[in-house]
PDB file of N, CA and C in Angstrom:
ATOM      1  N   MET A   1     -45.350  55.306   3.372  1.00  0.00           N
ATOM      2  CA  MET A   1     -44.808  54.599   4.218  1.00  0.00           C
ATOM      3  C   MET A   1     -44.159  53.085   3.399  1.00  0.00           C
ATOM      4  N   ARG A   2     -42.907  52.396   3.364  1.00  0.00           N
ATOM      5  CA  ARG A   2     -42.531  51.293   2.940  1.00  0.00           C
ATOM      6  C   ARG A   2     -43.299  50.490   4.110  1.00  0.00           C
ATOM      7  N   PRO A   3     -43.408  48.989   3.803  1.00  0.00           N
ATOM      8  CA  PRO A   3     -43.520  48.054   4.559  1.00  0.00           C
ATOM      9  C   PRO A   3     -42.163  47.662   5.394  1.00  0.00           C
ATOM     10  N   ARG A   4     -42.391  47.090   6.336  1.00  0.00           N
ATOM     11  CA  ARG A   4     -41.128  46.594   7.036  1.00  0.00           C
ATOM     12  C   ARG A   4     -40.811  45.552   6.958  1.00  0.00           C
ATOM     13  N   THR A   5     -39.723  44.711   6.785  1.00  0.00           N
ATOM     14  CA  THR A   5     -39.245  43.438   6.366  1.00  0.00           C
ATOM     15  C   THR A   5     -39.071  42.888   7.743  1.00  0.00           C
ATOM     16  N   VAL A   6     -39.401  41.775   7.984  1.00  0.00           N
ATOM     17  CA  VAL A   6     -39.436  41.439   9.164  1.00  0.00           C
ATOM     18  C   VAL A   6     -37.890  40.159   8.870  1.00  0.00           C
ATOM     19  N   ARG A   7     -37.002  40.052   9.758  1.00  0.00           N
ATOM     20  CA  ARG A   7     -36.158  39.139   9.778  1.00  0.00           C
ATOM     21  C   ARG A   7     -36.379  37.769  10.765  1.00  0.00           C
ATOM     22  N   PRO A   8     -36.526  37.027   9.528  1.00  0.00           N
ATOM     23  CA  PRO A   8     -36.895  35.460  10.378  1.00  0.00           C
ATOM     24  C   PRO A   8     -35.710  35.442  11.882  1.00  0.00           C
ATOM     25  N   ARG A   9     -36.586  34.670  12.879  1.00  0.00           N
ATOM     26  CA  ARG A   9     -35.799  34.674  14.100  1.00  0.00           C
ATOM     27  C   ARG A   9     -35.111  33.593  13.907  1.00  0.00           C
ATOM     28  N   LEU A  10     -33.366  33.591  14.615  1.00  0.00           N
ATOM     29  CA  LEU A  10     -32.561  32.555  14.550  1.00  0.00           C
ATOM     30  C   LEU A  10     -33.115  31.354  14.893  1.00  0.00           C
ATOM     31  N   ALA A  11     -32.711  30.459  14.567  1.00  0.00           N
ATOM     32  CA  ALA A  11     -32.979  28.620  14.915  1.00  0.00           C
ATOM     33  C   ALA A  11     -32.532  28.499  15.908  1.00  0.00           C
ATOM     34  N   ALA A  12     -32.982  27.632  16.461  1.00  0.00           N
ATOM     35  CA  ALA A  12     -32.139  27.200  18.143  1.00  0.00           C
ATOM     36  C   ALA A  12     -30.994  26.118  17.638  1.00  0.00           C
ATOM     37  N   ASP A  13     -30.684  25.323  16.242  1.00  0.00           N
ATOM     38  CA  ASP A  13     -29.306  24.925  15.959  1.00  0.00           C
ATOM     39  C   ASP A  13     -28.655  25.723  15.176  1.00  0.00           C
ATOM     40  N   ASP A  14     -28.726  27.090  14.787  1.00  0.00           N
ATOM     41  CA  ASP A  14     -27.666  27.570  14.233  1.00  0.00           C
ATOM     42  C   ASP A  14     -26.356  27.544  14.703  1.00  0.00           C
ATOM     43  N   GLY A  15     -25.600  27.302  13.988  1.00  0.00           N
ATOM     44  CA  GLY A  15     -23.838  27.172  14.992  1.00  0.00           C
ATOM     45  C   GLY A  15     -23.640  25.739  14.702  1.00  0.00           C
ATOM     46  N   SER A  16     -24.595  24.643  14.453  1.00  0.00           N
ATOM     47  CA  SER A  16     -24.368  23.244  14.704  1.00  0.00           C
ATOM     48  C   SER A  16     -23.818  22.871  13.795  1.00  0.00           C
ATOM     49  N   VAL A  17     -23.891  23.537  12.598  1.00  0.00           N
ATOM     50  CA  VAL A  17     -22.497  23.209  11.261  1.00  0.00           C
ATOM     51  C   VAL A  17     -21.177  23.549  11.676  1.00  0.00           C
ATOM     52  N   VAL A  18     -21.222  24.452  12.408  1.00  0.00           N
ATOM     53  CA  VAL A  18     -19.647  25.012  12.521  1.00  0.00           C
ATOM     54  C   VAL A  18     -19.070  23.900  13.499  1.00  0.00           C
ATOM     55  N   ALA A  19     -19.932  23.506  14.526  1.00  0.00           N
ATOM     56  CA  ALA A  19     -19.574  22.172  15.805  1.00  0.00           C
ATOM     57  C   ALA A  19     -19.198  21.162  15.213  1.00  0.00           C
ATOM     58  N   GLU A  20     -20.255  20.938  14.334  1.00  0.00           N
ATOM     59  CA  GLU A  20     -20.255  19.364  13.525  1.00  0.00           C
ATOM     60  C   GLU A  20     -18.980  19.809  12.528  1.00  0.00           C
ATOM     61  N   PHE A  21     -18.446  20.655  11.737  1.00  0.00           N
ATOM     62  CA  PHE A  21     -16.952  20.454  11.526  1.00  0.00           C
ATOM     63  C   PHE A  21     -15.896  20.731  12.035  1.00  0.00           C
ATOM     64  N   ALA A  22     -16.267  21.520  13.172  1.00  0.00           N
ATOM     65  CA  ALA A  22     -15.130  21.337  14.109  1.00  0.00           C
ATOM     66  C   ALA A  22     -14.837  20.133  14.749  1.00  0.00           C
ATOM     67  N   LEU A  23     -15.866  19.006  14.766  1.00  0.00           N
ATOM     68  CA  LEU A  23     -15.352  17.563  15.446  1.00  0.00           C
ATOM     69  C   LEU A  23     -14.919  16.961  14.135  1.00  0.00           C
ATOM     70  N   VAL A  24     -15.515  16.718  12.884  1.00  0.00           N
ATOM     71  CA  VAL A  24     -15.355  15.930  11.889  1.00  0.00           C
ATOM     72  C   VAL A  24     -13.800  16.082  11.379  1.00  0.00           C
ATOM     73  N   VAL A  25     -13.384  17.280  10.848  1.00  0.00           N
ATOM     74  CA  VAL A  25     -12.421  17.507  10.232  1.00  0.00           C
ATOM     75  C   VAL A  25     -11.256  16.956  11.060  1.00  0.00           C
ATOM     76  N   PRO A  26     -10.988  17.141  12.481  1.00  0.00           N
ATOM     77  CA  PRO A  26      -9.827  16.228  12.933  1.00  0.00           C
ATOM     78  C   PRO A  26      -9.684  14.660  13.096  1.00  0.00           C
ATOM     79  N   ALA A  27     -11.287  14.358  13.114  1.00  0.00           N
ATOM     80  CA  ALA A  27     -11.193  12.869  12.724  1.00  0.00           C
ATOM     81  C   ALA A  27     -10.980  12.514  11.276  1.00  0.00           C
ATOM     82  N   LEU A  28     -11.243  13.261  10.438  1.00  0.00           N
ATOM     83  CA  LEU A  28     -10.801  12.667   9.150  1.00  0.00           C
ATOM     84  C   LEU A  28      -9.463  12.725   8.543  1.00  0.00           C
ATOM     85  N   LEU A  29      -8.674  13.957   9.576  1.00  0.00           N
ATOM     86  CA  LEU A  29      -7.401  13.983   9.522  1.00  0.00           C
ATOM     87  C   LEU A  29      -6.387  12.834  10.074  1.00  0.00           C
ATOM     88  N   SER A  30      -7.059  12.254  11.037  1.00  0.00           N
ATOM     89  CA  SER A  30      -6.563  11.308  11.860  1.00  0.00           C
ATOM     90  C   SER A  30      -6.345  10.080  10.913  1.00  0.00           C
ATOM     91  N   VAL A  31      -7.720   9.672  10.338  1.00  0.00           N
ATOM     92  CA  VAL A  31      -7.954   8.403   9.331  1.00  0.00           C
ATOM     93  C   VAL A  31      -6.894   8.973   7.916  1.00  0.00           C
ATOM     94  N   LEU A  32      -7.010  10.093   7.409  1.00  0.00           N
ATOM     95  CA  LEU A  32      -5.658  10.229   6.676  1.00  0.00           C
ATOM     96  C   LEU A  32      -4.291   9.945   6.860  1.00  0.00           C
ATOM     97  N   GLY A  33      -4.191  10.601   7.862  1.00  0.00           N
ATOM     98  CA  GLY A  33      -3.092  10.293   8.425  1.00  0.00           C
ATOM     99  C   GLY A  33      -2.532   8.777   9.084  1.00  0.00           C
ATOM    100  N   LEU A  34      -3.285   7.696   9.281  1.00  0.00           N
ATOM    101  CA  LEU A  34      -3.127   6.503   9.912  1.00  0.00           C
ATOM    102  C   LEU A  34      -2.829   5.807   8.389  1.00  0.00           C
ATOM    103  N   ALA A  35      -3.885   6.170   6.953  1.00  0.00           N
ATOM    104  CA  ALA A  35      -3.473   5.608   5.742  1.00  0.00           C
ATOM    105  C   ALA A  35      -2.197   6.134   5.252  1.00  0.00           C
ATOM    106  N   VAL A  36      -1.784   7.000   5.567  1.00  0.00           N
ATOM    107  CA  VAL A  36      -0.320   7.323   4.951  1.00  0.00           C
ATOM    108  C   VAL A  36       0.685   6.474   5.770  1.00  0.00           C
ATOM    109  N   MET A  37       0.522   6.531   6.860  1.00  0.00           N
ATOM    110  CA  MET A  37       1.303   5.656   7.729  1.00  0.00           C
ATOM    111  C   MET A  37       1.037   4.038   7.307  1.00  0.00           C
ATOM    112  N   VAL A  38       0.099   3.532   7.385  1.00  0.00           N
ATOM    113  CA  VAL A  38       0.166   2.013   6.771  1.00  0.00           C
ATOM    114  C   VAL A  38       0.618   1.979   5.113  1.00  0.00           C
ATOM    115  N   ALA A  39       0.186   3.070   4.521  1.00  0.00           N
ATOM    116  CA  ALA A  39       0.906   2.669   3.032  1.00  0.00           C
ATOM    117  C   ALA A  39       2.436   3.169   3.032  1.00  0.00           C
ATOM    118  N   GLY A  40       3.036   3.833   4.046  1.00  0.00           N
ATOM    119  CA  GLY A  40       4.577   3.964   3.798  1.00  0.00           C
ATOM    120  C   GLY A  40       5.230   2.574   4.138  1.00  0.00           C
ATOM    121  N   ALA A  41       4.562   2.090   5.219  1.00  0.00           N
ATOM    122  CA  ALA A  41       4.803   1.086   6.099  1.00  0.00           C
ATOM    123  C   ALA A  41       4.996  -0.393   4.340  1.00  0.00           C
ATOM    124  N   GLY A  42       3.710  -0.397   4.149  1.00  0.00           N
ATOM    125  CA  GLY A  42       3.510  -1.268   2.829  1.00  0.00           C
ATOM    126  C   GLY A  42       4.867  -0.871   1.838  1.00  0.00           C
ATOM    127  N   VAL A  43       4.959   0.233   1.619  1.00  0.00           N
ATOM    128  CA  VAL A  43       6.075   0.403   0.797  1.00  0.00           C
ATOM    129  C   VAL A  43       7.517  -0.109   1.250  1.00  0.00           C
ATOM    130  N   GLN A  44       7.658   0.084   2.411  1.00  0.00           N
ATOM    131  CA  GLN A  44       8.869   0.025   3.125  1.00  0.00           C
ATOM    132  C   GLN A  44       9.227  -1.879   2.776  1.00  0.00           C
ATOM    133  N   THR A  45       7.767  -2.355   3.569  1.00  0.00           N
ATOM    134  CA  THR A  45       8.117  -3.965   3.390  1.00  0.00           C
ATOM    135  C   THR A  45       8.332  -4.648   2.000  1.00  0.00           C
ATOM    136  N   ILE A  46       7.713  -3.865   0.923  1.00  0.00           N
ATOM    137  CA  ILE A  46       7.961  -4.135  -0.490  1.00  0.00           C
ATOM    138  C   ILE A  46       9.482  -4.168  -0.970  1.00  0.00           C
ATOM    139  N   ARG A  47      10.062  -3.190  -0.591  1.00  0.00           N
ATOM    140  CA  ARG A  47      11.649  -2.741  -0.787  1.00  0.00           C
ATOM    141  C   ARG A  47      12.261  -3.517   0.079  1.00  0.00           C
ATOM    142  N   LEU A  48      11.849  -4.274   1.246  1.00  0.00           N
ATOM    143  CA  LEU A  48      12.599  -4.938   1.680  1.00  0.00           C
ATOM    144  C   LEU A  48      12.774  -6.540   1.122  1.00  0.00           C
ATOM    145  N   ALA A  49      11.507  -6.869   0.970  1.00  0.00           N
ATOM    146  CA  ALA A  49      11.357  -8.009  -0.153  1.00  0.00           C
ATOM    147  C   ALA A  49      12.236  -8.127  -1.413  1.00  0.00           C
ATOM    148  N   ASP A  50      11.980  -7.259  -1.950  1.00  0.00           N
ATOM    149  CA  ASP A  50      12.812  -7.044  -3.377  1.00  0.00           C
ATOM    150  C   ASP A  50      14.798  -6.495  -2.800  1.00  0.00           C
ATOM    151  N   ALA A  51      14.802  -6.482  -1.882  1.00  0.00           N
ATOM    152  CA  ALA A  51      16.299  -6.137  -1.729  1.00  0.00           C
ATOM    153  C   ALA A  51      16.562  -7.540  -0.997  1.00  0.00           C
ATOM    154  N   ALA A  52      15.823  -8.501  -0.692  1.00  0.00           N
ATOM    155  CA  ALA A  52      15.880  -9.883  -0.160  1.00  0.00           C
ATOM    156  C   ALA A  52      16.246 -10.591  -1.062  1.00  0.00           C
ATOM    157  N   ALA A  53      15.325 -10.272  -2.148  1.00  0.00           N
ATOM    158  CA  ALA A  53      15.189 -11.379  -3.581  1.00  0.00           C
ATOM    159  C   ALA A  53      16.836 -11.074  -4.056  1.00  0.00           C
ATOM    160  N   VAL A  54      17.139  -9.469  -4.239  1.00  0.00           N
ATOM    161  CA  VAL A  54      18.555  -9.287  -5.089  1.00  0.00           C
ATOM    162  C   VAL A  54      20.069 -10.199  -3.852  1.00  0.00           C
ATOM    163  N   VAL A  55      19.688  -9.765  -2.760  1.00  0.00           N
ATOM    164  CA  VAL A  55      20.631 -10.509  -1.898  1.00  0.00           C
ATOM    165  C   VAL A  55      20.800 -12.018  -1.811  1.00  0.00           C
ATOM    166  N   ALA A  56      19.440 -12.646  -2.146  1.00  0.00           N
ATOM    167  CA  ALA A  56      19.570 -13.898  -2.121  1.00  0.00           C
ATOM    168  C   ALA A  56      19.971 -14.619  -3.433  1.00  0.00           C
ATOM    169  N   ARG A  57      19.801 -13.712  -4.362  1.00  0.00           N
ATOM    170  CA  ARG A  57      20.249 -14.355  -5.763  1.00  0.00           C
ATOM    171  C   ARG A  57      21.980 -14.436  -5.536  1.00  0.00           C
ATOM    172  N   GLN A  58      22.227 -13.032  -5.407  1.00  0.00           N
ATOM    173  CA  GLN A  58      23.900 -12.965  -4.927  1.00  0.00           C
ATOM    174  C   GLN A  58      24.126 -14.121  -4.225  1.00  0.00           C
ATOM    175  N   THR A  59      23.739 -14.269  -2.910  1.00  0.00           N
ATOM    176  CA  THR A  59      24.441 -14.895  -2.007  1.00  0.00           C
ATOM    177  C   THR A  59      24.321 -16.594  -2.841  1.00  0.00           C
ATOM    178  N   ALA A  60      23.391 -16.909  -3.935  1.00  0.00           N
ATOM    179  CA  ALA A  60      23.001 -18.489  -4.117  1.00  0.00           C
ATOM    180  C   ALA A  60      24.181 -18.690  -4.845  1.00  0.00           C
ATOM    181  N   ARG A  61      24.783 -17.497  -5.715  1.00  0.00           N
ATOM    182  CA  ARG A  61      25.524 -17.387  -7.325  1.00  0.00           C
ATOM    183  C   ARG A  61      26.972 -17.064  -6.862  1.00  0.00           C
ATOM    184  N   GLY A  62      27.274 -17.314  -5.183  1.00  0.00           N
ATOM    185  CA  GLY A  62      28.213 -16.602  -4.913  1.00  0.00           C
ATOM    186  C   GLY A  62      29.162 -15.708  -4.893  1.00  0.00           C
ATOM    187  N   GLY A  63      28.043 -14.443  -5.140  1.00  0.00           N
ATOM    188  CA  GLY A  63      28.619 -13.286  -4.948  1.00  0.00           C
ATOM    189  C   GLY A  63      28.446 -12.825  -3.140  1.00  0.00           C
ATOM    190  N   ALA A  64      28.630 -13.166  -2.335  1.00  0.00           N
ATOM    191  CA  ALA A  64      28.835 -12.886  -0.886  1.00  0.00           C
ATOM    192  C   ALA A  64      29.484 -11.619  -0.477  1.00  0.00           C
ATOM    193  N   ASP A  65      30.334 -11.095  -1.721  1.00  0.00           N
ATOM    194  CA  ASP A  65      31.197 -10.258  -1.402  1.00  0.00           C
ATOM    195  C   ASP A  65      30.724  -8.944  -1.467  1.00  0.00           C
ATOM    196  N   SER A  66      29.856  -9.153  -2.435  1.00  0.00           N
ATOM    197  CA  SER A  66      28.957  -7.787  -3.014  1.00  0.00           C
ATOM    198  C   SER A  66      27.601  -7.481  -2.190  1.00  0.00           C
ATOM    199  N   VAL A  67      27.575  -8.721  -1.167  1.00  0.00           N
ATOM    200  CA  VAL A  67      26.104  -8.241  -0.658  1.00  0.00           C
ATOM    201  C   VAL A  67      26.438  -6.745   0.792  1.00  0.00           C
ATOM    202  N   PRO A  68      27.004  -6.803   1.156  1.00  0.00           N
ATOM    203  CA  PRO A  68      26.993  -5.622   2.029  1.00  0.00           C
ATOM    204  C   PRO A  68      26.950  -4.223   1.585  1.00  0.00           C
ATOM    205  N   GLY A  69      27.528  -4.397  -0.114  1.00  0.00           N
ATOM    206  CA  GLY A  69      27.283  -3.088  -0.489  1.00  0.00           C
ATOM    207  C   GLY A  69      25.633  -3.088  -0.944  1.00  0.00           C
ATOM    208  N   THR A  70      25.427  -3.857  -1.331  1.00  0.00           N
ATOM    209  CA  THR A  70      23.955  -4.423  -2.107  1.00  0.00           C
ATOM    210  C   THR A  70      22.757  -3.858  -0.644  1.00  0.00           C
ATOM    211  N   LEU A  71      23.368  -4.253   0.401  1.00  0.00           N
ATOM    212  CA  LEU A  71      22.222  -4.261   1.282  1.00  0.00           C
ATOM    213  C   LEU A  71      22.142  -2.897   1.905  1.00  0.00           C
ATOM    214  N   ALA A  72      23.504  -2.101   1.670  1.00  0.00           N
ATOM    215  CA  ALA A  72      23.777  -0.645   2.200  1.00  0.00           C
ATOM    216  C   ALA A  72      23.195   0.173   1.132  1.00  0.00           C
ATOM    217  N   ALA A  73      22.986  -0.143  -0.193  1.00  0.00           N
ATOM    218  CA  ALA A  73      22.215   0.970  -1.336  1.00  0.00           C
ATOM    219  C   ALA A  73      20.816   0.201  -1.236  1.00  0.00           C
ATOM    220  N   LEU A  74      20.108  -0.824  -1.314  1.00  0.00           N
ATOM    221  CA  LEU A  74      18.907  -1.241  -1.236  1.00  0.00           C
ATOM    222  C   LEU A  74      18.348  -1.164   0.574  1.00  0.00           C
ATOM    223  N   ALA A  75      18.844  -1.658   1.287  1.00  0.00           N
ATOM    224  CA  ALA A  75      17.916  -1.607   2.451  1.00  0.00           C
ATOM    225  C   ALA A  75      19.137  -1.159   3.723  1.00  0.00           C
ATOM    226  N   PRO A  76      19.523   0.153   3.544  1.00  0.00           N
ATOM    227  CA  PRO A  76      20.272   0.296   4.683  1.00  0.00           C
ATOM    228  C   PRO A  76      19.799  -0.157   6.358  1.00  0.00           C
ATOM    229  N   GLY A  77      20.557  -0.106   7.391  1.00  0.00           N
ATOM    230  CA  GLY A  77      20.261  -0.414   8.554  1.00  0.00           C
ATOM    231  C   GLY A  77      19.244  -1.847   8.687  1.00  0.00           C
ATOM    232  N   ALA A  78      19.256  -2.810   7.783  1.00  0.00           N
ATOM    233  CA  ALA A  78      18.506  -3.854   7.815  1.00  0.00           C
ATOM    234  C   ALA A  78      19.673  -4.916   8.107  1.00  0.00           C
ATOM    235  N   VAL A  79      18.921  -5.892   8.979  1.00  0.00           N
ATOM    236  CA  VAL A  79      19.886  -7.190   9.474  1.00  0.00           C
ATOM    237  C   VAL A  79      19.104  -8.209   8.569  1.00  0.00           C
ATOM    238  N   MET A  80      20.492  -9.002   8.231  1.00  0.00           N
ATOM    239  CA  MET A  80      20.244 -10.283   7.473  1.00  0.00           C
ATOM    240  C   MET A  80      20.324 -11.497   8.195  1.00  0.00           C
ATOM    241  N   VAL A  81      19.728 -12.353   7.819  1.00  0.00           N
ATOM    242  CA  VAL A  81      19.252 -13.508   8.351  1.00  0.00           C
ATOM    243  C   VAL A  81      19.594 -14.691   7.070  1.00  0.00           C
ATOM    244  N   THR A  82      20.275 -15.378   6.743  1.00  0.00           N
ATOM    245  CA  THR A  82      20.343 -16.594   5.933  1.00  0.00           C
ATOM    246  C   THR A  82      20.072 -17.863   6.270  1.00  0.00           C
ATOM    247  N   SER A  83      19.536 -18.544   5.576  1.00  0.00           N
ATOM    248  CA  SER A  83      19.093 -20.130   5.873  1.00  0.00           C
ATOM    249  C   SER A  83      19.191 -20.860   4.696  1.00  0.00           C
ATOM    250  N   VAL A  84      19.417 -22.262   4.577  1.00  0.00           N
ATOM    251  CA  VAL A  84      19.612 -23.119   3.509  1.00  0.00           C
ATOM    252  C   VAL A  84      18.513 -23.815   3.735  1.00  0.00           C
ATOM    253  N   GLU A  85      17.548 -23.960   2.415  1.00  0.00           N
ATOM    254  CA  GLU A  85      16.613 -25.107   2.994  1.00  0.00           C
ATOM    255  C   GLU A  85      16.162 -25.983   1.328  1.00  0.00           C
ATOM    256  N   GLY A  86      17.091 -27.017   1.893  1.00  0.00           N
ATOM    257  CA  GLY A  86      17.076 -27.898   0.350  1.00  0.00           C
ATOM    258  C   GLY A  86      17.912 -27.413  -0.611  1.00  0.00           C
ATOM    259  N   ASP A  87      17.714 -26.881  -1.639  1.00  0.00           N
ATOM    260  CA  ASP A  87      18.649 -26.160  -2.795  1.00  0.00           C
ATOM    261  C   ASP A  87      18.351 -24.973  -2.830  1.00  0.00           C
ATOM    262  N   LEU A  88      17.361 -24.377  -1.601  1.00  0.00           N
ATOM    263  CA  LEU A  88      17.725 -22.877  -1.821  1.00  0.00           C
ATOM    264  C   LEU A  88      18.151 -22.290  -0.743  1.00  0.00           C
ATOM    265  N   ILE A  89      18.767 -21.074  -1.043  1.00  0.00           N
ATOM    266  CA  ILE A  89      19.267 -19.984  -0.152  1.00  0.00           C
ATOM    267  C   ILE A  89      18.165 -19.242   0.344  1.00  0.00           C
ATOM    268  N   CYS A  90      17.769 -18.993   1.323  1.00  0.00           N
ATOM    269  CA  CYS A  90      16.530 -18.235   1.810  1.00  0.00           C
ATOM    270  C   CYS A  90      17.364 -16.555   2.606  1.00  0.00           C
ATOM    271  N   VAL A  91      16.716 -15.805   2.390  1.00  0.00           N
ATOM    272  CA  VAL A  91      17.053 -14.701   3.127  1.00  0.00           C
ATOM    273  C   VAL A  91      16.205 -13.987   3.619  1.00  0.00           C
ATOM    274  N   ARG A  92      16.547 -13.513   4.833  1.00  0.00           N
ATOM    275  CA  ARG A  92      15.122 -12.482   5.628  1.00  0.00           C
ATOM    276  C   ARG A  92      15.744 -11.214   6.453  1.00  0.00           C
ATOM    277  N   LEU A  93      15.113  -9.967   5.190  1.00  0.00           N
ATOM    278  CA  LEU A  93      15.870  -9.062   6.052  1.00  0.00           C
ATOM    279  C   LEU A  93      14.876  -8.192   6.874  1.00  0.00           C
ATOM    280  N   THR A  94      15.480  -7.560   8.403  1.00  0.00           N
ATOM    281  CA  THR A  94      14.527  -7.110   9.016  1.00  0.00           C
ATOM    282  C   THR A  94      14.635  -5.628   9.317  1.00  0.00           C
ATOM    283  N   ARG A  95      14.186  -4.747   9.251  1.00  0.00           N
ATOM    284  CA  ARG A  95      14.422  -3.504   9.765  1.00  0.00           C
ATOM    285  C   ARG A  95      13.524  -2.351  10.503  1.00  0.00           C
ATOM    286  N   SER A  96      14.002  -2.221  11.445  1.00  0.00           N
ATOM    287  CA  SER A  96      13.198  -0.706  12.170  1.00  0.00           C
ATOM    288  C   SER A  96      12.759   0.276  11.515  1.00  0.00           C
ATOM    289  N   VAL A  97      11.560   0.521  11.449  1.00  0.00           N
ATOM    290  CA  VAL A  97      11.063   1.868  10.839  1.00  0.00           C
ATOM    291  C   VAL A  97      10.020   2.944  11.876  1.00  0.00           C
ATOM    292  N   ASP A  98      10.821   3.763  11.681  1.00  0.00           N
ATOM    293  CA  ASP A  98       9.764   4.782  12.410  1.00  0.00           C
ATOM    294  C   ASP A  98       8.540   5.499  11.402  1.00  0.00           C
ATOM    295  N   LEU A  99       7.273   5.484  12.160  1.00  0.00           N
ATOM    296  CA  LEU A  99       6.354   5.926  11.083  1.00  0.00           C
ATOM    297  C   LEU A  99       5.626   7.134  11.502  1.00  0.00           C
ATOM    298  N   GLY A 100       6.655   8.185  11.924  1.00  0.00           N
ATOM    299  CA  GLY A 100       6.043   9.224  12.647  1.00  0.00           C
ATOM    300  C   GLY A 100       5.628   8.878  13.981  1.00  0.00           C
ATOM    301  N   PRO A 101       4.484   9.880  14.467  1.00  0.00           N
ATOM    302  CA  PRO A 101       4.264   9.497  15.795  1.00  0.00           C
ATOM    303  C   PRO A 101       4.289   8.256  16.426  1.00  0.00           C
ATOM    304  N   VAL A 102       3.899   7.534  15.796  1.00  0.00           N
ATOM    305  CA  VAL A 102       3.955   5.784  16.141  1.00  0.00           C
ATOM    306  C   VAL A 102       5.296   5.161  16.569  1.00  0.00           C
ATOM    307  N   GLU A 103       4.889   4.475  17.659  1.00  0.00           N
ATOM    308  CA  GLU A 103       6.782   3.442  17.823  1.00  0.00           C
ATOM    309  C   GLU A 103       7.253   3.087  16.714  1.00  0.00           C
ATOM    310  N   ALA A 104       8.675   2.612  16.760  1.00  0.00           N
ATOM    311  CA  ALA A 104       9.091   1.802  15.358  1.00  0.00           C
ATOM    312  C   ALA A 104       8.806   0.730  15.591  1.00  0.00           C
ATOM    313  N   VAL A 105       8.342   0.150  14.078  1.00  0.00           N
ATOM    314  CA  VAL A 105       7.651  -1.034  13.375  1.00  0.00           C
ATOM    315  C   VAL A 105       8.869  -1.551  13.170  1.00  0.00           C
ATOM    316  N   GLN A 106       8.806  -3.353  13.510  1.00  0.00           N
ATOM    317  CA  GLN A 106       9.480  -4.008  12.847  1.00  0.00           C
ATOM    318  C   GLN A 106       9.013  -4.631  11.586  1.00  0.00           C
ATOM    319  N   LEU A 107      10.084  -4.410  10.638  1.00  0.00           N
ATOM    320  CA  LEU A 107       9.310  -4.201   9.129  1.00  0.00           C
ATOM    321  C   LEU A 107      10.439  -5.980   8.837  1.00  0.00           C
ATOM    322  N   SER A 108       9.811  -6.696   7.770  1.00  0.00           N
ATOM    323  CA  SER A 108      10.663  -7.754   7.273  1.00  0.00           C
ATOM    324  C   SER A 108      10.534  -8.274   5.837  1.00  0.00           C
ATOM    325  N   GLY A 109      10.906  -8.781   5.128  1.00  0.00           N
ATOM    326  CA  GLY A 109      11.188  -9.224   3.729  1.00  0.00           C
ATOM    327  C   GLY A 109      11.784 -10.355   3.787  1.00  0.00           C
ATOM    328  N   ARG A 110      11.451 -11.506   3.035  1.00  0.00           N
ATOM    329  CA  ARG A 110      12.235 -12.890   2.670  1.00  0.00           C
ATOM    330  C   ARG A 110      12.078 -12.928   1.424  1.00  0.00           C
ATOM    331  N   SER A 111      13.073 -13.765   1.233  1.00  0.00           N
ATOM    332  CA  SER A 111      13.054 -14.409  -0.407  1.00  0.00           C
ATOM    333  C   SER A 111      14.065 -15.347  -0.636  1.00  0.00           C
ATOM    334  N   CYS A 112      13.673 -16.419  -1.547  1.00  0.00           N
ATOM    335  CA  CYS A 112      14.855 -17.655  -1.754  1.00  0.00           C
ATOM    336  C   CYS A 112      15.312 -17.408  -2.913  1.00  0.00           C
ATOM    337  N   ALA A 113      16.353 -18.027  -3.204  1.00  0.00           N
ATOM    338  CA  ALA A 113      16.611 -18.364  -4.363  1.00  0.00           C
ATOM    339  C   ALA A 113      17.698 -19.710  -4.369  1.00  0.00           C
ATOM    340  N   PRO A 114      17.447 -20.224  -5.597  1.00  0.00           N
ATOM    341  CA  PRO A 114      17.817 -21.751  -5.870  1.00  0.00           C
ATOM    342  C   PRO A 114      19.923 -21.646  -6.230  1.00  0.00           C
ATOM    343  N   THR A 115      20.199 -22.413  -5.345  1.00  0.00           N
ATOM    344  CA  THR A 115      21.841 -22.339  -5.432  1.00  0.00           C
ATOM    345  C   THR A 115      22.271 -22.371  -6.665  1.00  0.00           C
ATOM    346  N   ALA A 116      23.553 -22.024  -6.571  1.00  0.00           N
ATOM    347  CA  ALA A 116      24.242 -22.193  -8.126  1.00  0.00           C
ATOM    348  C   ALA A 116      24.367 -23.366  -8.448  1.00  0.00           C
ATOM    349  N   GLY A 117      24.544 -24.912  -7.856  1.00  0.00           N
ATOM    350  CA  GLY A 117      24.630 -26.125  -8.175  1.00  0.00           C
ATOM    351  C   GLY A 117      23.064 -26.645  -8.274  1.00  0.00           C
ATOM    352  N   GLY A 118      22.187 -25.845  -7.799  1.00  0.00           N
ATOM    353  CA  GLY A 118      20.666 -26.625  -8.195  1.00  0.00           C
ATOM    354  C   GLY A 118      19.427 -26.198  -9.243  1.00  0.00           C
TER     355      GLY A 118
END
């Protein structure tokens, strides 16, 4: 007769790994989603700042005619505010950006350029 193998009894914490996994995965996905949204907002802010620099240079050089086309190409939907600070023409672009499930966020970029005579 063969010796009978005895199976170990189930421990009281069986299944806890599955429960922990079920709790941790949604939290990790939430943090990852938040990181992607923040990175997206950062990229949009950099694009606005770049567009503001181009528009400020165009405006300072007297090319205000081409500004609407530049804004439409580089920062569609952005609102432009221009100010003069000494010998500088400063441009601030502001745009509302939708970041998924979060409410729309106001982002802005600002740049200045010396005037053509400065």
